[in-house]
């Protein structure tokens, strides 16, 4: 700051800096500000603003080819929601039902659905659990910074899928 004042003093005389108006030279100039009301921008939506600016709409997922990585991510979220729904449904059923769970299992056995149908039902219930479990393990390994190249992501994706299906099959035949 002192450098600025020194340079100003060298260029101008002291009277100009102090504002000597007798000589007509004044370094300090009076400024008047005129107040006016602020312009309030009109509320417009995202789409309206982009159309006015000539921007194209973002493409939807339907134009992209399905990839293993995106499908595994979507399936992981879906299986998490399915497991939550299982938990809520079983909890509410256990709380509201006058019968105990062994009685419900006995009633299911009385339907005589056959071993294949029971195994298919067990697989349907077990697959979201095994998929979410193995994909969660995969994500935990990623958190350590391992297997993050595209080639390794696809390899671990296929490995996780095979482990999930094999585990669900094992659980469904027990």
N, C-alpha and C. Protein backbone atom coordinates (compact mmCIF):
# COMPACT_ATOMS: atom_id res chain seq x y z
N UNK A 1 0.81 -1.17 0.00
CA UNK A 1 0.00 0.00 0.00
C UNK A 1 0.87 1.26 0.00
N UNK A 2 1.92 1.20 0.78
CA UNK A 2 2.80 2.37 0.82
C UNK A 2 3.48 2.61 -0.53
N UNK A 3 3.74 1.55 -1.26
CA UNK A 3 4.33 1.68 -2.58
C UNK A 3 3.39 2.44 -3.52
N UNK A 4 2.12 2.17 -3.41
CA UNK A 4 1.13 2.85 -4.25
C UNK A 4 1.12 4.35 -3.94
N UNK A 5 1.12 4.70 -2.65
CA UNK A 5 1.13 6.11 -2.28
C UNK A 5 2.42 6.80 -2.73
N UNK A 6 3.55 6.12 -2.62
CA UNK A 6 4.83 6.70 -3.04
C UNK A 6 4.82 6.98 -4.54
N UNK A 7 4.31 6.00 -5.30
CA UNK A 7 4.24 6.21 -6.75
C UNK A 7 3.28 7.33 -7.11
N UNK A 8 2.16 7.40 -6.40
CA UNK A 8 1.20 8.48 -6.66
C UNK A 8 1.81 9.83 -6.31
N UNK A 9 2.57 9.91 -5.24
CA UNK A 9 3.19 11.17 -4.84
C UNK A 9 4.24 11.60 -5.86
N UNK A 10 4.93 10.65 -6.45
CA UNK A 10 5.93 10.98 -7.46
C UNK A 10 5.29 11.49 -8.73
N UNK A 11 4.14 10.98 -9.10
CA UNK A 11 3.48 11.39 -10.34
C UNK A 11 2.67 12.67 -10.18
N UNK A 12 2.09 12.83 -9.03
CA UNK A 12 1.20 13.97 -8.83
C UNK A 12 1.77 14.87 -7.74
N UNK A 13 1.36 16.07 -7.81
CA UNK A 13 1.78 16.96 -6.73
C UNK A 13 0.90 16.72 -5.52
N UNK A 14 1.33 17.18 -4.39
CA UNK A 14 0.63 16.95 -3.13
C UNK A 14 -0.76 17.58 -3.17
N UNK A 15 -0.90 18.72 -3.82
CA UNK A 15 -2.19 19.39 -3.88
C UNK A 15 -3.22 18.54 -4.62
N UNK A 16 -2.80 17.85 -5.64
CA UNK A 16 -3.73 17.02 -6.38
C UNK A 16 -4.20 15.85 -5.52
N UNK A 17 -3.29 15.28 -4.73
CA UNK A 17 -3.67 14.16 -3.88
C UNK A 17 -4.64 14.61 -2.81
N UNK A 18 -4.40 15.80 -2.23
CA UNK A 18 -5.26 16.31 -1.18
C UNK A 18 -6.55 16.91 -1.72
N UNK A 19 -6.60 17.13 -3.00
CA UNK A 19 -7.82 17.65 -3.60
C UNK A 19 -7.89 19.16 -3.58
N UNK A 20 -6.84 19.84 -3.98
CA UNK A 20 -6.83 21.31 -4.03
C UNK A 20 -7.67 21.75 -5.23
N UNK A 21 -8.83 22.31 -4.95
CA UNK A 21 -9.72 22.69 -6.03
C UNK A 21 -9.48 24.11 -6.52
N UNK A 22 -8.58 24.89 -5.86
CA UNK A 22 -8.29 26.26 -6.29
C UNK A 22 -7.64 26.26 -7.66
N UNK A 23 -6.74 25.31 -7.89
CA UNK A 23 -6.03 25.27 -9.17
C UNK A 23 -6.82 24.51 -10.24
N UNK A 24 -7.99 23.93 -9.83
CA UNK A 24 -8.76 23.15 -10.79
C UNK A 24 -8.26 21.73 -10.94
N UNK A 25 -7.23 21.40 -10.20
CA UNK A 25 -6.71 20.04 -10.27
C UNK A 25 -7.20 19.27 -9.05
N UNK A 26 -7.82 18.20 -9.25
CA UNK A 26 -8.32 17.43 -8.11
C UNK A 26 -8.17 15.94 -8.41
N UNK A 27 -7.51 15.29 -7.51
CA UNK A 27 -7.31 13.85 -7.65
C UNK A 27 -8.54 13.09 -7.17
N UNK A 28 -9.24 13.66 -6.18
CA UNK A 28 -10.43 13.03 -5.63
C UNK A 28 -11.63 13.57 -6.39
N UNK A 29 -12.36 12.71 -7.00
CA UNK A 29 -13.49 13.09 -7.83
C UNK A 29 -14.79 12.74 -7.13
N UNK A 30 -15.74 13.64 -7.04
CA UNK A 30 -17.01 13.29 -6.39
C UNK A 30 -17.81 12.34 -7.27
N UNK A 31 -18.44 11.37 -6.64
CA UNK A 31 -19.25 10.38 -7.35
C UNK A 31 -20.61 10.33 -6.70
N UNK A 32 -21.65 10.36 -7.49
CA UNK A 32 -23.00 10.21 -6.97
C UNK A 32 -23.58 8.92 -7.52
N UNK A 33 -24.24 8.19 -6.66
CA UNK A 33 -24.87 6.93 -7.03
C UNK A 33 -26.37 7.12 -7.09
N UNK A 34 -26.98 6.58 -8.10
CA UNK A 34 -28.42 6.67 -8.25
C UNK A 34 -29.01 5.31 -7.88
N UNK A 35 -29.92 5.32 -6.94
CA UNK A 35 -30.55 4.07 -6.50
C UNK A 35 -31.66 3.67 -7.45
N UNK A 36 -31.76 2.39 -7.72
CA UNK A 36 -32.85 1.88 -8.53
C UNK A 36 -33.21 0.49 -8.01
N UNK A 37 -34.39 0.07 -8.30
CA UNK A 37 -34.85 -1.23 -7.79
C UNK A 37 -34.16 -2.35 -8.56
N UNK A 38 -33.92 -3.44 -7.86
CA UNK A 38 -33.24 -4.58 -8.46
C UNK A 38 -34.20 -5.32 -9.38
N UNK A 39 -33.64 -5.83 -10.47
CA UNK A 39 -34.44 -6.64 -11.38
C UNK A 39 -34.58 -8.04 -10.79
N UNK A 40 -35.81 -8.46 -10.61
CA UNK A 40 -36.07 -9.80 -10.08
C UNK A 40 -36.18 -10.74 -11.27
N UNK A 41 -35.30 -11.75 -11.33
CA UNK A 41 -35.37 -12.67 -12.48
C UNK A 41 -36.66 -13.49 -12.44
N UNK A 42 -37.20 -13.72 -13.60
CA UNK A 42 -38.42 -14.51 -13.71
C UNK A 42 -38.10 -15.97 -13.41
N UNK A 43 -38.95 -16.60 -12.63
CA UNK A 43 -38.75 -18.01 -12.31
C UNK A 43 -39.07 -18.85 -13.53
N UNK A 44 -38.07 -19.60 -13.98
CA UNK A 44 -38.30 -20.49 -15.11
C UNK A 44 -37.69 -21.84 -14.79
N UNK A 45 -38.29 -22.86 -15.32
CA UNK A 45 -37.83 -24.20 -15.05
C UNK A 45 -36.57 -24.56 -15.83
N UNK A 46 -36.02 -25.69 -15.49
CA UNK A 46 -34.80 -26.19 -16.13
C UNK A 46 -34.99 -26.36 -17.63
N UNK A 47 -36.10 -26.98 -18.01
CA UNK A 47 -36.35 -27.23 -19.43
C UNK A 47 -36.57 -25.93 -20.20
N UNK A 48 -37.33 -24.99 -19.61
CA UNK A 48 -37.58 -23.71 -20.27
C UNK A 48 -36.27 -22.96 -20.52
N UNK A 49 -35.41 -22.93 -19.51
CA UNK A 49 -34.13 -22.22 -19.63
C UNK A 49 -33.27 -22.85 -20.72
N UNK A 50 -33.21 -24.18 -20.75
CA UNK A 50 -32.40 -24.85 -21.76
C UNK A 50 -32.97 -24.68 -23.16
N UNK A 51 -34.30 -24.66 -23.29
CA UNK A 51 -34.89 -24.44 -24.60
C UNK A 51 -34.61 -23.02 -25.08
N UNK A 52 -34.66 -22.03 -24.17
CA UNK A 52 -34.39 -20.65 -24.53
C UNK A 52 -32.94 -20.48 -24.96
N UNK A 53 -32.02 -21.21 -24.32
CA UNK A 53 -30.61 -21.12 -24.66
C UNK A 53 -30.21 -22.02 -25.84
N UNK A 54 -31.17 -22.81 -26.33
CA UNK A 54 -30.90 -23.67 -27.48
C UNK A 54 -30.10 -24.91 -27.15
N UNK A 55 -30.17 -25.34 -25.89
CA UNK A 55 -29.43 -26.55 -25.49
C UNK A 55 -30.28 -27.79 -25.76
N UNK A 56 -29.65 -28.88 -26.19
CA UNK A 56 -30.43 -30.10 -26.45
C UNK A 56 -30.79 -30.80 -25.14
N UNK A 57 -31.82 -31.62 -25.19
CA UNK A 57 -32.21 -32.41 -24.04
C UNK A 57 -31.18 -33.51 -23.81
N UNK A 58 -30.99 -33.88 -22.56
CA UNK A 58 -30.07 -34.98 -22.25
C UNK A 58 -30.68 -36.29 -22.72
N UNK A 59 -29.85 -37.16 -23.25
CA UNK A 59 -30.40 -38.46 -23.71
C UNK A 59 -30.78 -39.33 -22.51
N UNK A 60 -31.73 -40.20 -22.72
CA UNK A 60 -32.19 -41.09 -21.68
C UNK A 60 -31.40 -42.39 -21.76
N UNK A 61 -31.55 -43.22 -20.76
CA UNK A 61 -30.82 -44.48 -20.70
C UNK A 61 -31.13 -45.41 -21.88
N UNK A 62 -32.26 -45.19 -22.52
CA UNK A 62 -32.66 -46.11 -23.59
C UNK A 62 -31.77 -46.03 -24.82
N UNK A 63 -30.97 -44.96 -24.97
CA UNK A 63 -30.13 -44.87 -26.16
C UNK A 63 -28.78 -45.55 -25.95
N UNK A 64 -28.45 -45.91 -24.72
CA UNK A 64 -27.17 -46.53 -24.43
C UNK A 64 -27.29 -48.05 -24.49
N UNK A 65 -26.25 -48.71 -24.97
CA UNK A 65 -26.21 -50.16 -24.96
C UNK A 65 -25.96 -50.63 -23.52
N UNK A 66 -26.66 -51.66 -23.08
CA UNK A 66 -26.43 -52.14 -21.71
C UNK A 66 -25.00 -52.67 -21.55
N UNK A 67 -24.37 -52.31 -20.46
CA UNK A 67 -23.03 -52.79 -20.16
C UNK A 67 -23.09 -53.62 -18.89
N UNK A 68 -22.13 -54.49 -18.74
CA UNK A 68 -22.10 -55.34 -17.55
C UNK A 68 -22.04 -54.49 -16.28
N UNK A 69 -21.20 -53.46 -16.29
CA UNK A 69 -21.03 -52.65 -15.09
C UNK A 69 -22.33 -51.94 -14.68
N UNK A 70 -23.04 -51.39 -15.65
CA UNK A 70 -24.28 -50.70 -15.30
C UNK A 70 -25.36 -51.68 -14.87
N UNK A 71 -25.43 -52.83 -15.53
CA UNK A 71 -26.44 -53.82 -15.16
C UNK A 71 -26.18 -54.39 -13.76
N UNK A 72 -24.91 -54.60 -13.42
CA UNK A 72 -24.59 -55.11 -12.09
C UNK A 72 -24.92 -54.07 -11.02
N UNK A 73 -24.69 -52.81 -11.33
CA UNK A 73 -25.01 -51.74 -10.38
C UNK A 73 -26.52 -51.64 -10.16
N UNK A 74 -27.27 -51.67 -11.24
CA UNK A 74 -28.73 -51.60 -11.13
C UNK A 74 -29.26 -52.81 -10.37
N UNK A 75 -28.72 -53.99 -10.66
CA UNK A 75 -29.16 -55.21 -9.99
C UNK A 75 -28.81 -55.17 -8.51
N UNK A 76 -27.65 -54.60 -8.17
CA UNK A 76 -27.26 -54.49 -6.75
C UNK A 76 -28.28 -53.63 -6.00
N UNK A 77 -28.69 -52.54 -6.59
CA UNK A 77 -29.68 -51.68 -5.94
C UNK A 77 -31.03 -52.39 -5.84
N UNK A 78 -31.40 -53.09 -6.90
CA UNK A 78 -32.68 -53.81 -6.90
C UNK A 78 -32.69 -54.91 -5.85
N UNK A 79 -31.59 -55.66 -5.73
CA UNK A 79 -31.56 -56.72 -4.72
C UNK A 79 -31.57 -56.15 -3.31
N UNK A 80 -30.96 -54.99 -3.12
CA UNK A 80 -31.04 -54.34 -1.81
C UNK A 80 -32.47 -53.96 -1.45
N UNK A 81 -33.20 -53.42 -2.43
CA UNK A 81 -34.60 -53.08 -2.18
C UNK A 81 -35.44 -54.34 -1.95
N UNK A 82 -35.12 -55.41 -2.69
CA UNK A 82 -35.84 -56.67 -2.52
C UNK A 82 -35.62 -57.23 -1.12
N UNK A 83 -34.37 -57.20 -0.64
CA UNK A 83 -34.09 -57.69 0.70
C UNK A 83 -34.80 -56.85 1.76
N UNK A 84 -34.87 -55.56 1.54
CA UNK A 84 -35.62 -54.70 2.47
C UNK A 84 -37.10 -55.07 2.46
N UNK A 85 -37.65 -55.31 1.27
CA UNK A 85 -39.06 -55.70 1.17
C UNK A 85 -39.30 -57.04 1.85
N UNK A 86 -38.37 -58.00 1.68
CA UNK A 86 -38.49 -59.29 2.38
C UNK A 86 -38.54 -59.07 3.88
N UNK A 87 -37.64 -58.26 4.38
CA UNK A 87 -37.56 -58.03 5.82
C UNK A 87 -38.84 -57.39 6.35
N UNK A 88 -39.32 -56.38 5.64
CA UNK A 88 -40.56 -55.72 6.07
C UNK A 88 -41.74 -56.67 6.00
N UNK A 89 -41.86 -57.41 4.90
CA UNK A 89 -43.00 -58.32 4.73
C UNK A 89 -42.97 -59.44 5.77
N UNK A 90 -41.80 -60.04 5.99
CA UNK A 90 -41.72 -61.12 6.98
C UNK A 90 -41.95 -60.59 8.40
N UNK A 91 -41.43 -59.41 8.68
CA UNK A 91 -41.64 -58.82 10.00
C UNK A 91 -43.10 -58.50 10.28
N UNK A 92 -43.75 -57.87 9.29
CA UNK A 92 -45.17 -57.56 9.47
C UNK A 92 -46.02 -58.81 9.53
N UNK A 93 -45.67 -59.82 8.74
CA UNK A 93 -46.41 -61.08 8.77
C UNK A 93 -46.25 -61.76 10.11
N UNK A 94 -45.03 -61.79 10.64
CA UNK A 94 -44.80 -62.41 11.94
C UNK A 94 -45.52 -61.65 13.05
N UNK A 95 -45.59 -60.33 12.93
CA UNK A 95 -46.26 -59.54 13.96
C UNK A 95 -47.78 -59.65 13.88
N UNK A 96 -48.32 -59.77 12.68
CA UNK A 96 -49.77 -59.76 12.51
C UNK A 96 -50.39 -61.15 12.50
N UNK A 97 -49.61 -62.17 12.19
CA UNK A 97 -50.16 -63.51 12.05
C UNK A 97 -50.29 -64.19 13.42
N UNK A 98 -51.42 -64.82 13.65
CA UNK A 98 -51.57 -65.53 14.93
C UNK A 98 -50.79 -66.86 14.95
N UNK A 99 -50.43 -67.34 13.77
CA UNK A 99 -49.71 -68.61 13.69
C UNK A 99 -48.21 -68.39 13.83
N UNK A 100 -47.51 -69.40 14.24
CA UNK A 100 -46.06 -69.36 14.29
C UNK A 100 -45.49 -69.74 12.93
N UNK A 101 -44.21 -69.45 12.71
CA UNK A 101 -43.57 -69.74 11.43
C UNK A 101 -43.55 -71.24 11.11
N UNK A 102 -43.29 -72.12 12.07
CA UNK A 102 -43.36 -73.56 11.73
C UNK A 102 -44.73 -73.97 11.20
N UNK A 103 -45.81 -73.37 11.69
CA UNK A 103 -47.14 -73.68 11.16
C UNK A 103 -47.26 -73.20 9.71
N UNK A 104 -46.69 -72.05 9.39
CA UNK A 104 -46.73 -71.55 8.01
C UNK A 104 -45.95 -72.46 7.08
N UNK A 105 -44.82 -72.96 7.54
CA UNK A 105 -44.02 -73.88 6.72
C UNK A 105 -44.78 -75.19 6.51
N UNK A 106 -45.45 -75.67 7.54
CA UNK A 106 -46.25 -76.90 7.42
C UNK A 106 -47.39 -76.70 6.42
N UNK A 107 -48.03 -75.52 6.45
CA UNK A 107 -49.09 -75.23 5.47
C UNK A 107 -48.55 -75.20 4.05
N UNK A 108 -47.34 -74.70 3.89
CA UNK A 108 -46.72 -74.67 2.57
C UNK A 108 -46.42 -76.08 2.07
N UNK A 109 -45.98 -76.94 2.99
CA UNK A 109 -45.70 -78.33 2.61
C UNK A 109 -46.98 -79.08 2.26
N UNK A 110 -48.10 -78.71 2.87
CA UNK A 110 -49.38 -79.35 2.57
C UNK A 110 -49.88 -79.04 1.17
N UNK A 111 -49.36 -78.00 0.57
CA UNK A 111 -49.77 -77.66 -0.79
C UNK A 111 -49.25 -78.66 -1.82
N UNK A 112 -48.25 -79.44 -1.45
CA UNK A 112 -47.64 -80.46 -2.31
C UNK A 112 -47.27 -79.88 -3.68
N UNK A 113 -46.44 -78.85 -3.65
CA UNK A 113 -46.01 -78.20 -4.88
C UNK A 113 -44.99 -79.00 -5.66
N UNK A 114 -44.31 -79.86 -5.03
CA UNK A 114 -43.26 -80.63 -5.70
C UNK A 114 -41.90 -80.06 -5.37
N UNK A 115 -40.90 -80.93 -5.46
CA UNK A 115 -39.56 -80.52 -5.07
C UNK A 115 -38.98 -79.45 -6.00
N UNK A 116 -39.26 -79.53 -7.28
CA UNK A 116 -38.73 -78.56 -8.24
C UNK A 116 -39.32 -77.16 -7.99
N UNK A 117 -40.62 -77.10 -7.72
CA UNK A 117 -41.26 -75.81 -7.46
C UNK A 117 -40.75 -75.20 -6.15
N UNK A 118 -40.56 -76.03 -5.14
CA UNK A 118 -40.04 -75.54 -3.86
C UNK A 118 -38.62 -75.03 -4.04
N UNK A 119 -37.81 -75.76 -4.81
CA UNK A 119 -36.43 -75.32 -5.05
C UNK A 119 -36.40 -74.01 -5.84
N UNK A 120 -37.31 -73.87 -6.80
CA UNK A 120 -37.39 -72.62 -7.57
C UNK A 120 -37.80 -71.46 -6.67
N UNK A 121 -38.73 -71.70 -5.77
CA UNK A 121 -39.15 -70.66 -4.83
C UNK A 121 -38.01 -70.30 -3.89
N UNK A 122 -37.28 -71.31 -3.42
CA UNK A 122 -36.12 -71.06 -2.55
C UNK A 122 -35.04 -70.27 -3.30
N UNK A 123 -34.81 -70.62 -4.57
CA UNK A 123 -33.81 -69.90 -5.36
C UNK A 123 -34.23 -68.43 -5.53
N UNK A 124 -35.52 -68.20 -5.79
CA UNK A 124 -36.03 -66.84 -5.93
C UNK A 124 -35.81 -66.03 -4.66
N UNK A 125 -35.95 -66.67 -3.51
CA UNK A 125 -35.72 -65.97 -2.25
C UNK A 125 -34.24 -65.83 -1.93
N UNK A 126 -33.42 -66.82 -2.34
CA UNK A 126 -32.00 -66.83 -1.97
C UNK A 126 -31.13 -65.97 -2.89
N UNK A 127 -31.49 -65.85 -4.17
CA UNK A 127 -30.62 -65.15 -5.10
C UNK A 127 -30.37 -63.69 -4.73
N UNK A 128 -31.40 -62.91 -4.37
CA UNK A 128 -31.09 -61.52 -3.98
C UNK A 128 -30.11 -61.43 -2.81
N UNK A 129 -30.23 -62.35 -1.86
CA UNK A 129 -29.32 -62.36 -0.71
C UNK A 129 -27.89 -62.68 -1.14
N UNK A 130 -27.72 -63.73 -1.93
CA UNK A 130 -26.36 -64.12 -2.34
C UNK A 130 -25.75 -63.08 -3.28
N UNK A 131 -26.55 -62.55 -4.19
CA UNK A 131 -26.04 -61.52 -5.12
C UNK A 131 -25.58 -60.30 -4.35
N UNK A 132 -26.44 -59.81 -3.45
CA UNK A 132 -26.10 -58.61 -2.70
C UNK A 132 -24.89 -58.84 -1.80
N UNK A 133 -24.80 -60.04 -1.24
CA UNK A 133 -23.66 -60.37 -0.38
C UNK A 133 -22.35 -60.35 -1.17
N UNK A 134 -22.29 -61.10 -2.29
CA UNK A 134 -21.04 -61.20 -3.04
C UNK A 134 -20.68 -59.88 -3.71
N UNK A 135 -21.67 -59.14 -4.18
CA UNK A 135 -21.36 -57.84 -4.79
C UNK A 135 -20.90 -56.85 -3.71
N UNK A 136 -21.43 -56.98 -2.50
CA UNK A 136 -20.96 -56.14 -1.40
C UNK A 136 -19.51 -56.43 -1.06
N UNK A 137 -19.13 -57.72 -1.09
CA UNK A 137 -17.73 -58.11 -0.87
C UNK A 137 -16.86 -57.49 -1.97
N UNK A 138 -17.34 -57.54 -3.19
CA UNK A 138 -16.61 -56.95 -4.32
C UNK A 138 -16.39 -55.45 -4.11
N UNK A 139 -17.42 -54.76 -3.66
CA UNK A 139 -17.30 -53.32 -3.40
C UNK A 139 -16.33 -53.05 -2.25
N UNK A 140 -16.33 -53.89 -1.24
CA UNK A 140 -15.37 -53.71 -0.13
C UNK A 140 -13.94 -53.89 -0.62
N UNK A 141 -13.73 -54.82 -1.54
CA UNK A 141 -12.39 -55.00 -2.12
C UNK A 141 -12.01 -53.77 -2.94
N UNK A 142 -12.97 -53.22 -3.66
CA UNK A 142 -12.70 -51.99 -4.42
C UNK A 142 -12.30 -50.85 -3.50
N UNK A 143 -12.89 -50.81 -2.31
CA UNK A 143 -12.56 -49.74 -1.36
C UNK A 143 -11.11 -49.80 -0.92
N UNK A 144 -10.47 -50.95 -1.06
CA UNK A 144 -9.04 -51.04 -0.73
C UNK A 144 -8.17 -50.59 -1.90
N UNK A 145 -8.78 -50.30 -3.04
CA UNK A 145 -8.04 -49.83 -4.21
C UNK A 145 -7.58 -50.95 -5.13
N UNK A 146 -8.14 -52.13 -4.98
CA UNK A 146 -7.75 -53.26 -5.82
C UNK A 146 -8.82 -53.57 -6.86
N UNK A 147 -8.41 -54.14 -7.99
CA UNK A 147 -9.28 -54.59 -9.08
C UNK A 147 -10.13 -53.46 -9.66
N UNK A 148 -9.52 -52.34 -9.95
CA UNK A 148 -10.27 -51.19 -10.44
C UNK A 148 -10.08 -50.90 -11.93
N UNK A 149 -9.25 -51.67 -12.63
CA UNK A 149 -9.15 -51.47 -14.07
C UNK A 149 -10.39 -52.08 -14.73
N UNK A 150 -10.69 -51.65 -15.94
CA UNK A 150 -11.90 -52.14 -16.62
C UNK A 150 -11.85 -53.66 -16.77
N UNK A 151 -10.72 -54.18 -17.13
CA UNK A 151 -10.58 -55.63 -17.30
C UNK A 151 -10.85 -56.36 -15.98
N UNK A 152 -10.30 -55.83 -14.89
CA UNK A 152 -10.51 -56.47 -13.58
C UNK A 152 -11.94 -56.28 -13.08
N UNK A 153 -12.55 -55.16 -13.41
CA UNK A 153 -13.94 -54.93 -13.01
C UNK A 153 -14.86 -55.95 -13.69
N UNK A 154 -14.62 -56.19 -14.97
CA UNK A 154 -15.42 -57.20 -15.68
C UNK A 154 -15.13 -58.60 -15.16
N UNK A 155 -13.87 -58.92 -14.88
CA UNK A 155 -13.52 -60.25 -14.36
C UNK A 155 -14.17 -60.49 -13.00
N UNK A 156 -14.09 -59.50 -12.11
CA UNK A 156 -14.72 -59.68 -10.80
C UNK A 156 -16.23 -59.69 -10.91
N UNK A 157 -16.77 -59.00 -11.92
CA UNK A 157 -18.22 -59.03 -12.13
C UNK A 157 -18.70 -60.42 -12.51
N UNK A 158 -18.01 -61.05 -13.45
CA UNK A 158 -18.38 -62.41 -13.84
C UNK A 158 -18.15 -63.40 -12.70
N UNK A 159 -17.07 -63.24 -11.96
CA UNK A 159 -16.81 -64.11 -10.81
C UNK A 159 -17.90 -63.94 -9.76
N UNK A 160 -18.29 -62.71 -9.48
CA UNK A 160 -19.33 -62.45 -8.50
C UNK A 160 -20.66 -63.05 -8.95
N UNK A 161 -20.99 -62.92 -10.23
CA UNK A 161 -22.24 -63.52 -10.73
C UNK A 161 -22.24 -65.03 -10.58
N UNK A 162 -21.12 -65.67 -10.91
CA UNK A 162 -21.06 -67.13 -10.78
C UNK A 162 -21.14 -67.56 -9.32
N UNK A 163 -20.49 -66.83 -8.43
CA UNK A 163 -20.58 -67.15 -7.00
C UNK A 163 -22.01 -66.95 -6.48
N UNK A 164 -22.67 -65.90 -6.92
CA UNK A 164 -24.03 -65.62 -6.47
C UNK A 164 -25.00 -66.71 -6.93
N UNK A 165 -24.90 -67.11 -8.20
CA UNK A 165 -25.79 -68.15 -8.71
C UNK A 165 -25.49 -69.49 -8.03
N UNK A 166 -24.21 -69.83 -7.90
CA UNK A 166 -23.84 -71.10 -7.25
C UNK A 166 -24.30 -71.12 -5.79
N UNK A 167 -24.11 -70.04 -5.08
CA UNK A 167 -24.56 -69.99 -3.68
C UNK A 167 -26.07 -70.09 -3.57
N UNK A 168 -26.78 -69.45 -4.47
CA UNK A 168 -28.26 -69.52 -4.44
C UNK A 168 -28.73 -70.92 -4.75
N UNK A 169 -28.06 -71.60 -5.69
CA UNK A 169 -28.42 -72.99 -6.00
C UNK A 169 -28.18 -73.88 -4.80
N UNK A 170 -27.05 -73.73 -4.14
CA UNK A 170 -26.74 -74.53 -2.95
C UNK A 170 -27.80 -74.30 -1.87
N UNK A 171 -28.14 -73.03 -1.64
CA UNK A 171 -29.14 -72.73 -0.63
C UNK A 171 -30.54 -73.23 -1.01
N UNK A 172 -30.85 -73.30 -2.29
CA UNK A 172 -32.18 -73.73 -2.71
C UNK A 172 -32.37 -75.24 -2.67
N UNK A 173 -31.30 -76.00 -2.71
CA UNK A 173 -31.44 -77.46 -2.66
C UNK A 173 -31.30 -78.00 -1.24
N UNK A 174 -30.91 -77.19 -0.31
CA UNK A 174 -30.79 -77.65 1.08
C UNK A 174 -32.15 -77.83 1.71
